[in-house]
Amino acid sequence: MAPLTSVDTATKETRWYPQHPPASTSTSPAAVMKDSLERRIRGMHALWLEALATMGAEHVNHFERSGVLPIAFTVNHQVRLEDSSLFLLSGEVPIWFSGGWAERTGIAIDDIGKETTVAEMELQRIGDYDAFCDYAREVYARTETWLAELEPDKLLEPQFGGTFPDFVKNAYIHRVVRDETILLVDAIECWIFQHGIRHLGELEHARALVGLGGLTS
């Protein structure tokens, strides 16, 4: 039986607080590290679940003015990047492609938005917002299930054969790793947790522009 995820347990009825799995009985540094990552990612996902559930299409597709990205950019970018990151880390095909979500969500610009311009991404819109929320829940649940099943010692394994890929040389992870060696724990921390938290701040500011409140005190 798959473990419960924040998608199952962080709901309006629980005030968006996720249920965490029991603490590991192992006191190895890797096990402690994995437990911390799991709890932080579940908490981060719970905030995204609350944010998504307390917005509507009129909020995410609101266009403030030229040069200001709509919320549609932020939510698409965060979830798609997490989906793609899990592909890099586990080899699993991104849910976006395997589930045909481009068509199901009616996304205006089928792009993560990492290498595009502000002028291009300010045109981003989500046609079926409820479908997009379904997609996000699938991505979050898969990430948490994969991490729950991960052997703790794998967190210390170098990625990309110990090399540092060119495509991340301008990314935050370059400021974190030692000797340009990306360990699995670095990739999870930077590409899933830190990236999700960073864009939550962006989202909370954007929510204020459309008359919505923040998420935490």
C-alpha atoms as a PDB file:
ATOM      1  CA  MET A   1       0.000   0.000   0.000  1.00  0.00           C
ATOM      2  CA  ALA A   2       1.401   3.398  -1.001  1.00  0.00           C
ATOM      3  CA  PRO A   3       2.068   5.799   1.885  1.00  0.00           C
ATOM      4  CA  LEU A   4      -0.336   8.667   2.450  1.00  0.00           C
ATOM      5  CA  THR A   5       0.860  11.916   0.919  1.00  0.00           C
ATOM      6  CA  SER A   6       0.151  15.571   1.615  1.00  0.00           C
ATOM      7  CA  VAL A   7      -2.380  15.345  -1.234  1.00  0.00           C
ATOM      8  CA  ASP A   8      -4.320  12.867   0.926  1.00  0.00           C
ATOM      9  CA  THR A   9      -3.878  14.571   4.281  1.00  0.00           C
ATOM     10  CA  ALA A  10      -3.440  18.340   3.773  1.00  0.00           C
ATOM     11  CA  THR A  11      -7.017  19.446   3.189  1.00  0.00           C
ATOM     12  CA  LYS A  12      -9.320  22.263   4.193  1.00  0.00           C
ATOM     13  CA  GLU A  13     -10.663  19.997   6.940  1.00  0.00           C
ATOM     14  CA  THR A  14      -7.167  19.622   8.434  1.00  0.00           C
ATOM     15  CA  ARG A  15      -6.417  23.327   7.959  1.00  0.00           C
ATOM     16  CA  TRP A  16      -3.973  22.266   5.224  1.00  0.00           C
ATOM     17  CA  TYR A  17      -1.634  20.558   7.693  1.00  0.00           C
ATOM     18  CA  PRO A  18      -0.106  17.362   6.260  1.00  0.00           C
ATOM     19  CA  GLN A  19       0.178  14.123   8.149  1.00  0.00           C
ATOM     20  CA  HIS A  20       3.811  13.029   8.374  1.00  0.00           C
ATOM     21  CA  PRO A  21       4.867   9.377   8.384  1.00  0.00           C
ATOM     22  CA  PRO A  22       6.238   7.891  11.614  1.00  0.00           C
ATOM     23  CA  ALA A  23       9.826   8.832  12.408  1.00  0.00           C
ATOM     24  CA  SER A  24      12.460   6.408  11.189  1.00  0.00           C
ATOM     25  CA  THR A  25      13.937   4.117  13.809  1.00  0.00           C
ATOM     26  CA  SER A  26      17.348   4.607  12.204  1.00  0.00           C
ATOM     27  CA  THR A  27      19.614   7.306  13.566  1.00  0.00           C
ATOM     28  CA  SER A  28      22.049   7.216  10.628  1.00  0.00           C
ATOM     29  CA  PRO A  29      22.890  10.679   9.255  1.00  0.00           C
ATOM     30  CA  ALA A  30      21.342   9.756   5.891  1.00  0.00           C
ATOM     31  CA  ALA A  31      18.084   8.596   7.496  1.00  0.00           C
ATOM     32  CA  VAL A  32      17.835  11.779   9.566  1.00  0.00           C
ATOM     33  CA  MET A  33      18.526  13.837   6.441  1.00  0.00           C
ATOM     34  CA  LYS A  34      15.840  11.970   4.487  1.00  0.00           C
ATOM     35  CA  ASP A  35      13.270  12.432   7.259  1.00  0.00           C
ATOM     36  CA  SER A  36      13.937  16.182   7.291  1.00  0.00           C
ATOM     37  CA  LEU A  37      13.616  16.420   3.500  1.00  0.00           C
ATOM     38  CA  GLU A  38      10.356  14.469   3.512  1.00  0.00           C
ATOM     39  CA  ARG A  39       8.760  16.659   6.186  1.00  0.00           C
ATOM     40  CA  ARG A  40       9.871  19.921   4.555  1.00  0.00           C
ATOM     41  CA  ILE A  41       8.684  18.881   1.120  1.00  0.00           C
ATOM     42  CA  ARG A  42       5.334  17.691   2.466  1.00  0.00           C
ATOM     43  CA  GLY A  43       4.944  21.011   4.279  1.00  0.00           C
ATOM     44  CA  MET A  44       5.858  22.937   1.128  1.00  0.00           C
ATOM     45  CA  HIS A  45       3.384  20.915  -0.907  1.00  0.00           C
ATOM     46  CA  ALA A  46       0.695  21.558   1.685  1.00  0.00           C
ATOM     47  CA  LEU A  47       1.152  25.303   1.180  1.00  0.00           C
ATOM     48  CA  TRP A  48       0.877  24.873  -2.590  1.00  0.00           C
ATOM     49  CA  LEU A  49      -2.242  22.746  -2.184  1.00  0.00           C
ATOM     50  CA  GLU A  50      -3.811  25.466  -0.035  1.00  0.00           C
ATOM     51  CA  ALA A  51      -2.823  28.154  -2.513  1.00  0.00           C
ATOM     52  CA  LEU A  52      -4.198  26.256  -5.495  1.00  0.00           C
ATOM     53  CA  ALA A  53      -7.460  25.439  -3.703  1.00  0.00           C
ATOM     54  CA  THR A  54      -8.045  29.045  -2.656  1.00  0.00           C
ATOM     55  CA  MET A  55      -7.657  30.522  -6.142  1.00  0.00           C
ATOM     56  CA  GLY A  56      -9.828  30.358  -9.233  1.00  0.00           C
ATOM     57  CA  ALA A  57      -9.202  30.764 -12.934  1.00  0.00           C
ATOM     58  CA  GLU A  58     -10.020  34.458 -12.641  1.00  0.00           C
ATOM     59  CA  HIS A  59      -7.104  34.843 -10.224  1.00  0.00           C
ATOM     60  CA  VAL A  60      -4.464  32.771 -11.987  1.00  0.00           C
ATOM     61  CA  ASN A  61      -5.230  34.280 -15.398  1.00  0.00           C
ATOM     62  CA  HIS A  62      -5.435  37.887 -14.213  1.00  0.00           C
ATOM     63  CA  PHE A  63      -3.117  40.166 -16.193  1.00  0.00           C
ATOM     64  CA  GLU A  64      -1.985  43.110 -14.099  1.00  0.00           C
ATOM     65  CA  ARG A  65       0.089  45.024 -16.641  1.00  0.00           C
ATOM     66  CA  SER A  66       2.941  44.624 -19.095  1.00  0.00           C
ATOM     67  CA  GLY A  67       6.069  43.318 -17.410  1.00  0.00           C
ATOM     68  CA  VAL A  68       4.154  41.586 -14.597  1.00  0.00           C
ATOM     69  CA  LEU A  69       3.715  37.836 -14.962  1.00  0.00           C
ATOM     70  CA  PRO A  70       0.287  36.335 -14.237  1.00  0.00           C
ATOM     71  CA  ILE A  71      -0.122  33.695 -11.533  1.00  0.00           C
ATOM     72  CA  ALA A  72      -0.603  31.209 -14.382  1.00  0.00           C
ATOM     73  CA  PHE A  73       3.122  31.481 -15.067  1.00  0.00           C
ATOM     74  CA  THR A  74       4.097  30.797 -11.455  1.00  0.00           C
ATOM     75  CA  VAL A  75       1.921  27.739 -10.900  1.00  0.00           C
ATOM     76  CA  ASN A  76       2.784  26.221 -14.278  1.00  0.00           C
ATOM     77  CA  HIS A  77       6.498  26.831 -13.764  1.00  0.00           C
ATOM     78  CA  GLN A  78       6.680  25.361 -10.260  1.00  0.00           C
ATOM     79  CA  VAL A  79       4.728  22.187 -10.891  1.00  0.00           C
ATOM     80  CA  ARG A  80       6.244  21.511 -14.314  1.00  0.00           C
ATOM     81  CA  LEU A  81       9.786  22.024 -12.985  1.00  0.00           C
ATOM     82  CA  GLU A  82       9.168  19.565 -10.139  1.00  0.00           C
ATOM     83  CA  ASP A  83       7.700  17.067 -12.598  1.00  0.00           C
ATOM     84  CA  SER A  84      10.758  17.426 -14.862  1.00  0.00           C
ATOM     85  CA  SER A  85      13.204  17.286 -11.947  1.00  0.00           C
ATOM     86  CA  LEU A  86      11.862  13.916 -10.880  1.00  0.00           C
ATOM     87  CA  PHE A  87      12.547  12.698 -14.407  1.00  0.00           C
ATOM     88  CA  LEU A  88      16.196  13.743 -14.017  1.00  0.00           C
ATOM     89  CA  LEU A  89      16.459  12.089 -10.613  1.00  0.00           C
ATOM     90  CA  SER A  90      14.470   8.891 -11.127  1.00  0.00           C
ATOM     91  CA  GLY A  91      14.087   8.427 -14.877  1.00  0.00           C
ATOM     92  CA  GLU A  92      10.291   8.438 -14.654  1.00  0.00           C
ATOM     93  CA  VAL A  93       8.598  10.072 -17.639  1.00  0.00           C
ATOM     94  CA  PRO A  94       7.106  13.457 -16.636  1.00  0.00           C
ATOM     95  CA  ILE A  95       3.419  13.175 -15.798  1.00  0.00           C
ATOM     96  CA  TRP A  96       2.783  16.191 -18.038  1.00  0.00           C
ATOM     97  CA  PHE A  97       3.600  14.105 -21.103  1.00  0.00           C
ATOM     98  CA  SER A  98       2.390  10.671 -20.010  1.00  0.00           C
ATOM     99  CA  GLY A  99      -0.992  12.070 -18.954  1.00  0.00           C
ATOM    100  CA  GLY A 100      -1.578  14.386 -21.902  1.00  0.00           C
ATOM    101  CA  TRP A 101      -1.943  17.345 -19.572  1.00  0.00           C
ATOM    102  CA  ALA A 102      -1.162  20.043 -22.147  1.00  0.00           C
ATOM    103  CA  GLU A 103      -4.460  19.271 -23.858  1.00  0.00           C
ATOM    104  CA  ARG A 104      -6.361  18.557 -20.650  1.00  0.00           C
ATOM    105  CA  THR A 105      -5.370  21.844 -18.989  1.00  0.00           C
ATOM    106  CA  GLY A 106      -5.689  23.999 -22.108  1.00  0.00           C
ATOM    107  CA  ILE A 107      -2.382  25.709 -21.311  1.00  0.00           C
ATOM    108  CA  ALA A 108      -1.789  28.710 -23.569  1.00  0.00           C
ATOM    109  CA  ILE A 109       2.000  28.290 -23.795  1.00  0.00           C
ATOM    110  CA  ASP A 110       3.249  24.741 -23.379  1.00  0.00           C
ATOM    111  CA  ASP A 111       6.594  25.672 -21.841  1.00  0.00           C
ATOM    112  CA  ILE A 112       8.043  25.529 -18.339  1.00  0.00           C
ATOM    113  CA  GLY A 113       9.207  29.121 -18.732  1.00  0.00           C
ATOM    114  CA  LYS A 114      12.827  28.677 -17.670  1.00  0.00           C
ATOM    115  CA  GLU A 115      14.481  29.974 -20.844  1.00  0.00           C
ATOM    116  CA  THR A 116      11.701  32.247 -22.117  1.00  0.00           C
ATOM    117  CA  THR A 117      11.293  36.013 -21.803  1.00  0.00           C
ATOM    118  CA  VAL A 118       8.914  37.957 -19.581  1.00  0.00           C
ATOM    119  CA  ALA A 119       7.184  39.255 -22.713  1.00  0.00           C
ATOM    120  CA  GLU A 120       6.480  35.694 -23.800  1.00  0.00           C
ATOM    121  CA  MET A 121       5.390  34.403 -20.407  1.00  0.00           C
ATOM    122  CA  GLU A 122       3.108  37.287 -19.563  1.00  0.00           C
ATOM    123  CA  LEU A 123       0.792  35.728 -22.166  1.00  0.00           C
ATOM    124  CA  GLN A 124       0.526  32.489 -20.176  1.00  0.00           C
ATOM    125  CA  ARG A 125      -3.021  31.375 -19.313  1.00  0.00           C
ATOM    126  CA  ILE A 126      -4.550  28.145 -18.021  1.00  0.00           C
ATOM    127  CA  GLY A 127      -7.731  27.129 -19.851  1.00  0.00           C
ATOM    128  CA  ASP A 128      -8.997  24.480 -17.400  1.00  0.00           C
ATOM    129  CA  TYR A 129      -7.789  25.429 -13.959  1.00  0.00           C
ATOM    130  CA  ASP A 130      -9.475  22.485 -12.192  1.00  0.00           C
ATOM    131  CA  ALA A 131      -7.620  20.101 -14.499  1.00  0.00           C
ATOM    132  CA  PHE A 132      -4.355  21.863 -13.742  1.00  0.00           C
ATOM    133  CA  CYS A 133      -4.956  21.403 -10.009  1.00  0.00           C
ATOM    134  CA  ASP A 134      -5.502  17.684 -10.645  1.00  0.00           C
ATOM    135  CA  TYR A 135      -2.166  17.585 -12.452  1.00  0.00           C
ATOM    136  CA  ALA A 136      -0.390  19.355  -9.580  1.00  0.00           C
ATOM    137  CA  ARG A 137      -1.780  16.869  -7.074  1.00  0.00           C
ATOM    138  CA  GLU A 138      -0.478  13.970  -9.163  1.00  0.00           C
ATOM    139  CA  VAL A 139       2.983  15.534  -9.331  1.00  0.00           C
ATOM    140  CA  TYR A 140       3.140  16.209  -5.582  1.00  0.00           C
ATOM    141  CA  ALA A 141       1.917  12.728  -4.692  1.00  0.00           C
ATOM    142  CA  ARG A 142       4.457  11.074  -6.978  1.00  0.00           C
ATOM    143  CA  THR A 143       7.345  13.099  -5.581  1.00  0.00           C
ATOM    144  CA  GLU A 144       6.440  12.218  -2.012  1.00  0.00           C
ATOM    145  CA  THR A 145       5.903   8.541  -2.789  1.00  0.00           C
ATOM    146  CA  TRP A 146       9.258   8.348  -4.592  1.00  0.00           C
ATOM    147  CA  LEU A 147      11.061  10.020  -1.695  1.00  0.00           C
ATOM    148  CA  ALA A 148       9.337   7.808   0.879  1.00  0.00           C
ATOM    149  CA  GLU A 149      10.561   4.705  -0.944  1.00  0.00           C
ATOM    150  CA  LEU A 150      14.105   6.000  -1.493  1.00  0.00           C
ATOM    151  CA  GLU A 151      16.926   4.261   0.384  1.00  0.00           C
ATOM    152  CA  PRO A 152      18.509   6.937   2.641  1.00  0.00           C
ATOM    153  CA  ASP A 153      22.089   6.194   1.573  1.00  0.00           C
ATOM    154  CA  LYS A 154      21.219   7.060  -2.030  1.00  0.00           C
ATOM    155  CA  LEU A 155      20.974  10.709  -0.951  1.00  0.00           C
ATOM    156  CA  LEU A 156      24.770  10.814  -0.877  1.00  0.00           C
ATOM    157  CA  GLU A 157      25.248   9.462  -4.403  1.00  0.00           C
ATOM    158  CA  PRO A 158      26.768  11.838  -7.010  1.00  0.00           C
ATOM    159  CA  GLN A 159      24.530  12.605  -9.980  1.00  0.00           C
ATOM    160  CA  PHE A 160      25.421  12.980 -13.677  1.00  0.00           C
ATOM    161  CA  GLY A 161      28.469  10.761 -13.271  1.00  0.00           C
ATOM    162  CA  GLY A 162      30.042  13.265 -10.899  1.00  0.00           C
ATOM    163  CA  THR A 163      30.137  16.002 -13.553  1.00  0.00           C
ATOM    164  CA  PHE A 164      28.389  19.373 -13.384  1.00  0.00           C
ATOM    165  CA  PRO A 165      26.036  19.812 -16.392  1.00  0.00           C
ATOM    166  CA  ASP A 166      26.152  23.045 -18.347  1.00  0.00           C
ATOM    167  CA  PHE A 167      22.375  23.464 -18.172  1.00  0.00           C
ATOM    168  CA  VAL A 168      22.486  24.188 -14.432  1.00  0.00           C
ATOM    169  CA  LYS A 169      25.576  26.411 -14.310  1.00  0.00           C
ATOM    170  CA  ASN A 170      23.442  29.547 -13.875  1.00  0.00           C
ATOM    171  CA  ALA A 171      21.093  27.889 -11.375  1.00  0.00           C
ATOM    172  CA  TYR A 172      20.918  28.203  -7.599  1.00  0.00           C
ATOM    173  CA  ILE A 173      22.335  24.705  -7.168  1.00  0.00           C
ATOM    174  CA  HIS A 174      25.718  25.928  -8.442  1.00  0.00           C
ATOM    175  CA  ARG A 175      25.967  28.097  -5.324  1.00  0.00           C
ATOM    176  CA  VAL A 176      25.200  25.159  -3.041  1.00  0.00           C
ATOM    177  CA  VAL A 177      27.267  22.190  -4.163  1.00  0.00           C
ATOM    178  CA  ARG A 178      30.860  21.475  -3.205  1.00  0.00           C
ATOM    179  CA  ASP A 179      33.478  20.998  -5.939  1.00  0.00           C
ATOM    180  CA  GLU A 180      30.748  21.034  -8.617  1.00  0.00           C
ATOM    181  CA  THR A 181      29.540  17.593  -7.542  1.00  0.00           C
ATOM    182  CA  ILE A 182      25.767  17.326  -7.293  1.00  0.00           C
ATOM    183  CA  LEU A 183      24.694  14.772  -4.701  1.00  0.00           C
ATOM    184  CA  LEU A 184      21.132  13.492  -4.835  1.00  0.00           C
ATOM    185  CA  VAL A 185      20.365  15.352  -1.607  1.00  0.00           C
ATOM    186  CA  ASP A 186      21.558  18.604  -3.243  1.00  0.00           C
ATOM    187  CA  ALA A 187      19.296  18.072  -6.244  1.00  0.00           C
ATOM    188  CA  ILE A 188      16.231  17.322  -4.113  1.00  0.00           C
ATOM    189  CA  GLU A 189      16.928  20.255  -1.802  1.00  0.00           C
ATOM    190  CA  CYS A 190      17.475  22.760  -4.620  1.00  0.00           C
ATOM    191  CA  TRP A 191      15.172  21.587  -7.419  1.00  0.00           C
ATOM    192  CA  ILE A 192      12.198  20.471  -5.360  1.00  0.00           C
ATOM    193  CA  PHE A 193      12.177  22.078  -1.915  1.00  0.00           C
ATOM    194  CA  GLN A 194      14.038  25.345  -2.441  1.00  0.00           C
ATOM    195  CA  HIS A 195      12.482  25.942  -5.844  1.00  0.00           C
ATOM    196  CA  GLY A 196       8.986  25.342  -4.478  1.00  0.00           C
ATOM    197  CA  ILE A 197       9.529  27.644  -1.502  1.00  0.00           C
ATOM    198  CA  ARG A 198      11.061  30.377  -3.661  1.00  0.00           C
ATOM    199  CA  HIS A 199       8.059  30.499  -5.954  1.00  0.00           C
ATOM    200  CA  LEU A 200       5.654  30.354  -3.020  1.00  0.00           C
ATOM    201  CA  GLY A 201       6.949  33.794  -2.019  1.00  0.00           C
ATOM    202  CA  GLU A 202       6.392  35.003  -5.551  1.00  0.00           C
ATOM    203  CA  LEU A 203       2.900  33.510  -5.493  1.00  0.00           C
ATOM    204  CA  GLU A 204       1.956  35.146  -2.196  1.00  0.00           C
ATOM    205  CA  HIS A 205       2.913  38.554  -3.592  1.00  0.00           C
ATOM    206  CA  ALA A 206       0.944  37.869  -6.767  1.00  0.00           C
ATOM    207  CA  ARG A 207      -2.074  36.762  -4.737  1.00  0.00           C
ATOM    208  CA  ALA A 208      -2.107  40.167  -3.060  1.00  0.00           C
ATOM    209  CA  LEU A 209      -2.438  41.799  -6.485  1.00  0.00           C
ATOM    210  CA  VAL A 210      -5.689  39.905  -7.085  1.00  0.00           C
ATOM    211  CA  GLY A 211      -7.164  40.529  -3.631  1.00  0.00           C
ATOM    212  CA  LEU A 212      -6.186  37.253  -1.960  1.00  0.00           C
ATOM    213  CA  GLY A 213      -4.416  36.845   1.357  1.00  0.00           C
ATOM    214  CA  GLY A 214      -1.164  35.175   2.335  1.00  0.00           C
ATOM    215  CA  LEU A 215      -0.742  31.592   3.423  1.00  0.00           C
ATOM    216  CA  THR A 216       1.264  31.668   6.682  1.00  0.00           C
ATOM    217  CA  SER A 217       1.959  34.174   9.426  1.00  0.00           C
END
